[in-house]
C-alpha atoms as a PDB file:
ATOM      1  CA  THR A   1      19.629 -43.675 102.803  1.00  0.00           C
ATOM      2  CA  PRO A   2      22.250 -40.823 102.833  1.00  0.00           C
ATOM      3  CA  ALA A   3      24.698 -43.062 100.930  1.00  0.00           C
ATOM      4  CA  SER A   4      22.352 -43.442  97.981  1.00  0.00           C
ATOM      5  CA  SER A   5      22.245 -39.730  97.158  1.00  0.00           C
ATOM      6  CA  PRO A   6      25.851 -39.394  95.857  1.00  0.00           C
ATOM      7  CA  SER A   7      25.396 -42.501  93.706  1.00  0.00           C
ATOM      8  CA  VAL A   8      22.432 -40.925  91.946  1.00  0.00           C
ATOM      9  CA  VAL A   9      24.378 -37.738  91.294  1.00  0.00           C
ATOM     10  CA  VAL A  10      27.417 -39.595  89.988  1.00  0.00           C
ATOM     11  CA  ALA A  11      25.300 -41.800  87.703  1.00  0.00           C
ATOM     12  CA  THR A  12      23.238 -39.017  86.179  1.00  0.00           C
ATOM     13  CA  THR A  13      25.910 -36.350  85.674  1.00  0.00           C
ATOM     14  CA  PRO A  14      27.987 -38.218  83.012  1.00  0.00           C
ATOM     15  CA  ALA A  15      24.780 -39.175  81.166  1.00  0.00           C
ATOM     16  CA  VAL A  16      23.754 -35.548  80.880  1.00  0.00           C
ATOM     17  CA  VAL A  17      27.245 -34.515  79.730  1.00  0.00           C
ATOM     18  CA  GLN A  18      27.335 -37.262  77.109  1.00  0.00           C
ATOM     19  CA  ALA A  19      23.909 -36.316  75.808  1.00  0.00           C
ATOM     20  CA  LYS A  20      25.090 -32.762  75.246  1.00  0.00           C
ATOM     21  CA  VAL A  21      28.547 -33.532  73.840  1.00  0.00           C
ATOM     22  CA  ALA A  22      27.790 -36.466  71.511  1.00  0.00           C
ATOM     23  CA  PRO A  23      25.706 -34.629  68.866  1.00  0.00           C
ATOM     24  CA  SER A  24      28.240 -31.820  68.559  1.00  0.00           C
ATOM     25  CA  VAL A  25      31.167 -34.059  67.536  1.00  0.00           C
ATOM     26  CA  PRO A  26      30.031 -35.040  63.984  1.00  0.00           C
ATOM     27  CA  ALA A  27      28.675 -31.577  63.321  1.00  0.00           C
ATOM     28  CA  ALA A  28      32.084 -30.051  64.077  1.00  0.00           C
ATOM     29  CA  SER A  29      34.039 -32.552  61.935  1.00  0.00           C
ATOM     30  CA  ALA A  30      31.761 -32.494  58.844  1.00  0.00           C
ATOM     31  CA  SER A  31      32.372 -28.885  57.851  1.00  0.00           C
ATOM     32  CA  PRO A  32      36.194 -29.063  57.456  1.00  0.00           C
ATOM     33  CA  SER A  33      35.811 -32.250  55.358  1.00  0.00           C
ATOM     34  CA  ILE A  34      33.477 -30.565  52.856  1.00  0.00           C
ATOM     35  CA  ALA A  35      35.682 -27.488  52.722  1.00  0.00           C
ATOM     36  CA  SER A  36      38.868 -29.501  52.170  1.00  0.00           C
ATOM     37  CA  THR A  37      37.254 -31.540  49.373  1.00  0.00           C
ATOM     38  CA  ALA A  38      36.171 -28.356  47.598  1.00  0.00           C
ATOM     39  CA  GLU A  39      39.672 -26.914  47.968  1.00  0.00           C
ATOM     40  CA  LEU A  40      41.303 -30.079  46.633  1.00  0.00           C
ATOM     41  CA  THR A  41      38.895 -30.151  43.685  1.00  0.00           C
ATOM     42  CA  ARG A  42      39.678 -26.519  42.921  1.00  0.00           C
ATOM     43  CA  ALA A  43      43.428 -27.122  43.172  1.00  0.00           C
ATOM     44  CA  SER A  44      43.256 -30.149  40.842  1.00  0.00           C
ATOM     45  CA  LEU A  45      41.141 -28.180  38.382  1.00  0.00           C
ATOM     46  CA  LEU A  46      43.675 -25.361  38.322  1.00  0.00           C
ATOM     47  CA  GLU A  47      46.480 -27.815  37.526  1.00  0.00           C
ATOM     48  CA  ALA A  48      44.468 -29.328  34.691  1.00  0.00           C
ATOM     49  CA  GLU A  49      43.680 -25.872  33.325  1.00  0.00           C
ATOM     50  CA  LYS A  50      47.402 -25.018  33.321  1.00  0.00           C
ATOM     51  CA  ASP A  51      48.150 -28.080  31.194  1.00  0.00           C
ATOM     52  CA  GLU A  52      45.307 -27.187  28.849  1.00  0.00           C
ATOM     53  CA  ALA A  53      46.496 -23.574  28.545  1.00  0.00           C
ATOM     54  CA  ALA A  54      49.992 -24.866  27.723  1.00  0.00           C
ATOM     55  CA  LYS A  55      48.427 -27.087  25.007  1.00  0.00           C
ATOM     56  CA  ASP A  56      49.953 -30.138  26.621  1.00  0.00           C
ATOM     57  CA  TRP A  57      47.035 -32.264  25.489  1.00  0.00           C
ATOM     58  CA  PRO A  58      48.132 -35.655  26.906  1.00  0.00           C
ATOM     59  CA  ARG A  59      48.743 -34.163  30.366  1.00  0.00           C
ATOM     60  CA  ALA A  60      45.565 -32.077  30.243  1.00  0.00           C
ATOM     61  CA  VAL A  61      43.382 -35.036  29.293  1.00  0.00           C
ATOM     62  CA  MET A  62      44.936 -37.204  32.002  1.00  0.00           C
ATOM     63  CA  ALA A  63      44.595 -34.411  34.569  1.00  0.00           C
ATOM     64  CA  TYR A  64      40.850 -34.149  33.948  1.00  0.00           C
ATOM     65  CA  VAL A  65      40.547 -37.949  34.063  1.00  0.00           C
ATOM     66  CA  GLU A  66      42.303 -38.034  37.440  1.00  0.00           C
ATOM     67  CA  LEU A  67      40.165 -35.158  38.682  1.00  0.00           C
ATOM     68  CA  GLN A  68      37.003 -37.114  37.903  1.00  0.00           C
ATOM     69  CA  LYS A  69      38.373 -40.283  39.485  1.00  0.00           C
ATOM     70  CA  LYS A  70      39.402 -38.508  42.685  1.00  0.00           C
ATOM     71  CA  PHE A  71      36.153 -36.599  43.056  1.00  0.00           C
ATOM     72  CA  PRO A  72      33.422 -38.770  41.484  1.00  0.00           C
ATOM     73  CA  GLN A  73      30.753 -36.930  43.465  1.00  0.00           C
ATOM     74  CA  SER A  74      31.380 -33.932  41.202  1.00  0.00           C
ATOM     75  CA  ASP A  75      30.939 -33.899  37.415  1.00  0.00           C
ATOM     76  CA  VAL A  76      33.379 -31.038  36.884  1.00  0.00           C
ATOM     77  CA  GLY A  77      36.162 -33.359  35.690  1.00  0.00           C
ATOM     78  CA  ARG A  78      33.888 -35.203  33.268  1.00  0.00           C
ATOM     79  CA  VAL A  79      32.377 -32.002  31.868  1.00  0.00           C
ATOM     80  CA  ARG A  80      35.730 -30.272  31.377  1.00  0.00           C
ATOM     81  CA  LEU A  81      37.161 -33.433  29.845  1.00  0.00           C
ATOM     82  CA  GLU A  82      34.365 -33.684  27.280  1.00  0.00           C
ATOM     83  CA  LEU A  83      34.669 -29.981  26.435  1.00  0.00           C
ATOM     84  CA  LEU A  84      38.404 -30.312  25.801  1.00  0.00           C
ATOM     85  CA  LEU A  85      38.042 -33.492  23.751  1.00  0.00           C
ATOM     86  CA  SER A  86      35.212 -32.036  21.680  1.00  0.00           C
ATOM     87  CA  ARG A  87      37.399 -29.066  20.843  1.00  0.00           C
ATOM     88  CA  LEU A  88      40.296 -31.307  19.867  1.00  0.00           C
ATOM     89  CA  LEU A  89      37.983 -33.464  17.771  1.00  0.00           C
ATOM     90  CA  GLY A  90      36.934 -30.400  15.814  1.00  0.00           C
ATOM     91  CA  ASP A  91      40.498 -29.121  15.389  1.00  0.00           C
ATOM     92  CA  LYS A  92      42.597 -31.803  13.721  1.00  0.00           C
ATOM     93  CA  LYS A  93      45.629 -29.532  13.563  1.00  0.00           C
ATOM     94  CA  ALA A  94      45.587 -29.116  17.345  1.00  0.00           C
ATOM     95  CA  TRP A  95      45.535 -32.778  18.298  1.00  0.00           C
ATOM     96  CA  SER A  96      47.708 -33.974  15.427  1.00  0.00           C
ATOM     97  CA  GLU A  97      50.600 -32.098  17.030  1.00  0.00           C
ATOM     98  CA  ALA A  98      50.633 -34.698  19.800  1.00  0.00           C
ATOM     99  CA  SER A  99      51.974 -38.118  18.875  1.00  0.00           C
ATOM    100  CA  ASN A 100      49.727 -41.162  18.819  1.00  0.00           C
ATOM    101  CA  GLU A 101      51.654 -42.822  21.621  1.00  0.00           C
ATOM    102  CA  GLN A 102      51.433 -39.783  23.885  1.00  0.00           C
ATOM    103  CA  MET A 103      47.679 -39.496  23.441  1.00  0.00           C
ATOM    104  CA  ARG A 104      46.691 -43.153  23.297  1.00  0.00           C
ATOM    105  CA  GLU A 105      46.651 -43.954  27.029  1.00  0.00           C
ATOM    106  CA  PRO A 106      45.065 -40.661  28.177  1.00  0.00           C
ATOM    107  CA  LEU A 107      42.348 -41.089  25.545  1.00  0.00           C
ATOM    108  CA  ARG A 108      41.798 -44.713  26.534  1.00  0.00           C
ATOM    109  CA  ALA A 109      41.397 -43.650  30.175  1.00  0.00           C
ATOM    110  CA  ALA A 110      38.951 -40.920  29.137  1.00  0.00           C
ATOM    111  CA  ALA A 111      36.966 -43.333  26.967  1.00  0.00           C
ATOM    112  CA  GLN A 112      36.702 -45.771  29.860  1.00  0.00           C
ATOM    113  CA  LEU A 113      35.107 -42.954  31.853  1.00  0.00           C
ATOM    114  CA  GLY A 114      32.489 -42.681  29.124  1.00  0.00           C
ATOM    115  CA  ALA A 115      33.868 -39.671  27.222  1.00  0.00           C
ATOM    116  CA  VAL A 116      32.414 -40.280  23.741  1.00  0.00           C
ATOM    117  CA  SER A 117      34.715 -37.744  22.075  1.00  0.00           C
ATOM    118  CA  ALA A 118      37.668 -39.782  23.353  1.00  0.00           C
ATOM    119  CA  MET A 119      36.235 -42.838  21.589  1.00  0.00           C
ATOM    120  CA  GLU A 120      36.034 -40.900  18.318  1.00  0.00           C
ATOM    121  CA  LEU A 121      39.549 -39.532  18.735  1.00  0.00           C
ATOM    122  CA  LEU A 122      40.877 -43.037  19.350  1.00  0.00           C
ATOM    123  CA  GLY A 123      39.187 -44.046  16.121  1.00  0.00           C
ATOM    124  CA  GLU A 124      41.178 -41.327  14.351  1.00  0.00           C
ATOM    125  CA  PHE A 125      44.496 -41.937  16.120  1.00  0.00           C
ATOM    126  CA  LEU A 126      44.459 -45.683  15.509  1.00  0.00           C
ATOM    127  CA  ARG A 127      43.211 -45.529  11.915  1.00  0.00           C
ATOM    128  CA  LYS A 128      46.541 -46.690  10.439  1.00  0.00           C
ATOM    129  CA  ARG A 129      48.359 -48.079  13.467  1.00  0.00           C
ATOM    130  CA  ASP A 130      45.598 -50.432  14.615  1.00  0.00           C
ATOM    131  CA  PRO A 131      42.631 -50.494  12.188  1.00  0.00           C
ATOM    132  CA  LYS A 132      40.691 -53.103  14.161  1.00  0.00           C
ATOM    133  CA  ALA A 133      40.953 -51.158  17.425  1.00  0.00           C
ATOM    134  CA  SER A 134      40.095 -47.979  15.518  1.00  0.00           C
ATOM    135  CA  PHE A 135      36.940 -49.606  14.149  1.00  0.00           C
ATOM    136  CA  ALA A 136      35.972 -50.903  17.607  1.00  0.00           C
ATOM    137  CA  TRP A 137      36.240 -47.439  19.185  1.00  0.00           C
ATOM    138  CA  LEU A 138      34.191 -45.896  16.394  1.00  0.00           C
ATOM    139  CA  CYS A 139      31.510 -48.536  16.940  1.00  0.00           C
ATOM    140  CA  ALA A 140      31.513 -47.667  20.647  1.00  0.00           C
ATOM    141  CA  ALA A 141      31.010 -43.979  19.831  1.00  0.00           C
ATOM    142  CA  ALA A 142      28.291 -44.837  17.312  1.00  0.00           C
ATOM    143  CA  ALA A 143      26.508 -46.901  19.967  1.00  0.00           C
ATOM    144  CA  GLU A 144      26.427 -43.746  22.103  1.00  0.00           C
ATOM    145  CA  GLY A 145      24.557 -41.933  19.335  1.00  0.00           C
ATOM    146  CA  ARG A 146      27.373 -40.022  17.628  1.00  0.00           C
ATOM    147  CA  ALA A 147      26.224 -39.452  14.049  1.00  0.00           C
ATOM    148  CA  HIS A 148      29.715 -38.790  12.669  1.00  0.00           C
ATOM    149  CA  ALA A 149      30.973 -42.033  14.190  1.00  0.00           C
ATOM    150  CA  MET A 150      28.084 -43.869  12.524  1.00  0.00           C
ATOM    151  CA  SER A 151      29.151 -42.472   9.171  1.00  0.00           C
ATOM    152  CA  GLU A 152      32.763 -43.470   9.832  1.00  0.00           C
ATOM    153  CA  VAL A 153      31.659 -47.014  10.669  1.00  0.00           C
ATOM    154  CA  GLY A 154      29.872 -47.075   7.308  1.00  0.00           C
ATOM    155  CA  LEU A 155      33.042 -45.947   5.563  1.00  0.00           C
ATOM    156  CA  ARG A 156      35.076 -48.670   7.272  1.00  0.00           C
ATOM    157  CA  TYR A 157      32.595 -51.318   6.170  1.00  0.00           C
ATOM    158  CA  SER A 158      32.583 -50.025   2.610  1.00  0.00           C
ATOM    159  CA  ASN A 159      36.387 -49.954   2.389  1.00  0.00           C
ATOM    160  CA  GLY A 160      37.133 -53.020   4.523  1.00  0.00           C
ATOM    161  CA  ALA A 161      39.278 -51.002   6.932  1.00  0.00           C
ATOM    162  CA  GLY A 162      39.608 -52.860  10.230  1.00  0.00           C
ATOM    163  CA  VAL A 163      36.613 -55.011   9.416  1.00  0.00           C
ATOM    164  CA  GLU A 164      35.543 -57.343   6.619  1.00  0.00           C
ATOM    165  CA  ARG A 165      34.050 -55.387   3.721  1.00  0.00           C
ATOM    166  CA  ASP A 166      30.271 -55.425   3.746  1.00  0.00           C
ATOM    167  CA  PHE A 167      28.448 -53.004   1.439  1.00  0.00           C
ATOM    168  CA  VAL A 168      25.041 -53.856   2.873  1.00  0.00           C
ATOM    169  CA  LYS A 169      26.134 -52.946   6.405  1.00  0.00           C
ATOM    170  CA  ALA A 170      27.853 -49.850   5.038  1.00  0.00           C
ATOM    171  CA  ALA A 171      24.596 -48.648   3.506  1.00  0.00           C
ATOM    172  CA  GLN A 172      22.737 -49.378   6.739  1.00  0.00           C
ATOM    173  CA  TRP A 173      25.202 -47.301   8.744  1.00  0.00           C
ATOM    174  CA  PHE A 174      25.082 -44.432   6.245  1.00  0.00           C
ATOM    175  CA  GLU A 175      21.307 -44.423   6.488  1.00  0.00           C
ATOM    176  CA  GLN A 176      21.446 -44.487  10.285  1.00  0.00           C
ATOM    177  CA  ALA A 177      24.034 -41.695  10.346  1.00  0.00           C
ATOM    178  CA  ARG A 178      21.941 -39.519   8.059  1.00  0.00           C
ATOM    179  CA  ALA A 179      18.858 -40.092  10.205  1.00  0.00           C
ATOM    180  CA  ALA A 180      20.911 -39.060  13.255  1.00  0.00           C
ATOM    181  CA  GLY A 181      21.891 -35.768  11.623  1.00  0.00           C
ATOM    182  CA  GLU A 182      25.098 -36.525   9.693  1.00  0.00           C
ATOM    183  CA  VAL A 183      23.767 -35.058   6.440  1.00  0.00           C
ATOM    184  CA  SER A 184      26.931 -35.825   4.464  1.00  0.00           C
ATOM    185  CA  ALA A 185      26.240 -39.538   4.968  1.00  0.00           C
ATOM    186  CA  GLY A 186      23.413 -39.027   2.490  1.00  0.00           C
ATOM    187  CA  THR A 187      26.000 -38.466  -0.238  1.00  0.00           C
ATOM    188  CA  TRP A 188      27.602 -41.848   0.448  1.00  0.00           C
ATOM    189  CA  LEU A 189      24.162 -43.436   0.498  1.00  0.00           C
ATOM    190  CA  ALA A 190      23.278 -41.724  -2.781  1.00  0.00           C
ATOM    191  CA  GLU A 191      26.369 -43.215  -4.387  1.00  0.00           C
ATOM    192  CA  GLY A 192      25.198 -46.634  -3.264  1.00  0.00           C
ATOM    193  CA  PHE A 193      21.781 -46.137  -4.849  1.00  0.00           C
ATOM    194  CA  LEU A 194      23.385 -44.789  -8.021  1.00  0.00           C
ATOM    195  CA  TYR A 195      25.638 -47.822  -8.538  1.00  0.00           C
ATOM    196  CA  GLY A 196      23.541 -50.414  -6.708  1.00  0.00           C
ATOM    197  CA  THR A 197      26.235 -50.964  -4.099  1.00  0.00           C
ATOM    198  CA  GLY A 198      24.845 -52.344  -0.849  1.00  0.00           C
ATOM    199  CA  VAL A 199      21.345 -51.303  -1.883  1.00  0.00           C
ATOM    200  CA  GLY A 200      19.228 -51.756  -4.976  1.00  0.00           C
ATOM    201  CA  THR A 201      19.826 -49.359  -7.861  1.00  0.00           C
ATOM    202  CA  ASN A 202      17.506 -46.399  -7.575  1.00  0.00           C
ATOM    203  CA  GLU A 203      18.566 -43.338  -9.541  1.00  0.00           C
ATOM    204  CA  SER A 204      15.666 -41.160  -8.406  1.00  0.00           C
ATOM    205  CA  LYS A 205      16.532 -41.905  -4.780  1.00  0.00           C
ATOM    206  CA  ALA A 206      20.170 -41.105  -5.494  1.00  0.00           C
ATOM    207  CA  VAL A 207      19.237 -37.747  -7.057  1.00  0.00           C
ATOM    208  CA  SER A 208      17.005 -36.923  -4.113  1.00  0.00           C
ATOM    209  CA  LEU A 209      19.829 -37.612  -1.668  1.00  0.00           C
ATOM    210  CA  LEU A 210      22.367 -35.670  -3.727  1.00  0.00           C
ATOM    211  CA  GLN A 211      20.176 -32.580  -3.562  1.00  0.00           C
ATOM    212  CA  ASP A 212      21.064 -32.391   0.109  1.00  0.00           C
ATOM    213  CA  PRO A 213      23.029 -29.126   0.607  1.00  0.00           C
ATOM    214  CA  ALA A 214      25.737 -30.627   2.843  1.00  0.00           C
ATOM    215  CA  PRO A 215      28.487 -32.213   0.712  1.00  0.00           C
ATOM    216  CA  ALA A 216      30.527 -35.168   1.901  1.00  0.00           C
ATOM    217  CA  SER A 217      34.260 -34.873   2.292  1.00  0.00           C
ATOM    218  CA  GLY A 218      37.074 -37.358   2.635  1.00  0.00           C
ATOM    219  CA  PRO A 219      37.812 -40.601   0.800  1.00  0.00           C
ATOM    220  CA  ARG A 220      35.272 -42.068  -1.575  1.00  0.00           C
ATOM    221  CA  ALA A 221      33.012 -44.437   0.284  1.00  0.00           C
ATOM    222  CA  TRP A 222      32.370 -47.173  -2.228  1.00  0.00           C
ATOM    223  CA  ALA A 223      35.508 -48.944  -3.450  1.00  0.00           C
ATOM    224  CA  ARG A 224      34.923 -50.146  -6.985  1.00  0.00           C
END
């Protein structure tokens, strides 16, 4: 009987110690991991911002792409990427300073992440170099609901740029673009109604569309 007492003590003591120590291990290791991830995200963001401030657009775009890939749990890379690309899309002078070859791969990587502005920019960059690829990227942007891209797809159909000319499809895209808010597409559609190109001739409809206050700009839509 006396020999059994030490065995009970020895058996129960480690169990008690383990019960107390085990829960504290993950709790202690989780905090540094979260902190280090936040620090790494912040450091990567700062590097991307430096490239953007220096107007090194290819490096800046790629930096935001890499930021999103490294830290997919955060949307900061995706949001900053879309903001930068939207600004470049609205400022042709800014992005035209970078060569097509320098921007092509960063934009492709951004587009593959779902950045719709990158799809539209690829449509612009590849307009002359690769018309078919340009058309495909514009279609991808249009499928995401971009009204301007819809109008551009209509223009490509009407001029046969990167795709077989199809006036009926051109008119359909102009109508869709106008409905989505691209008011200038109404001018291209009006021209179709005026000359019966892609749609039936309807002068009153053409006049109604031409009364829209937002004028279209760029090349003439309907090649005659």
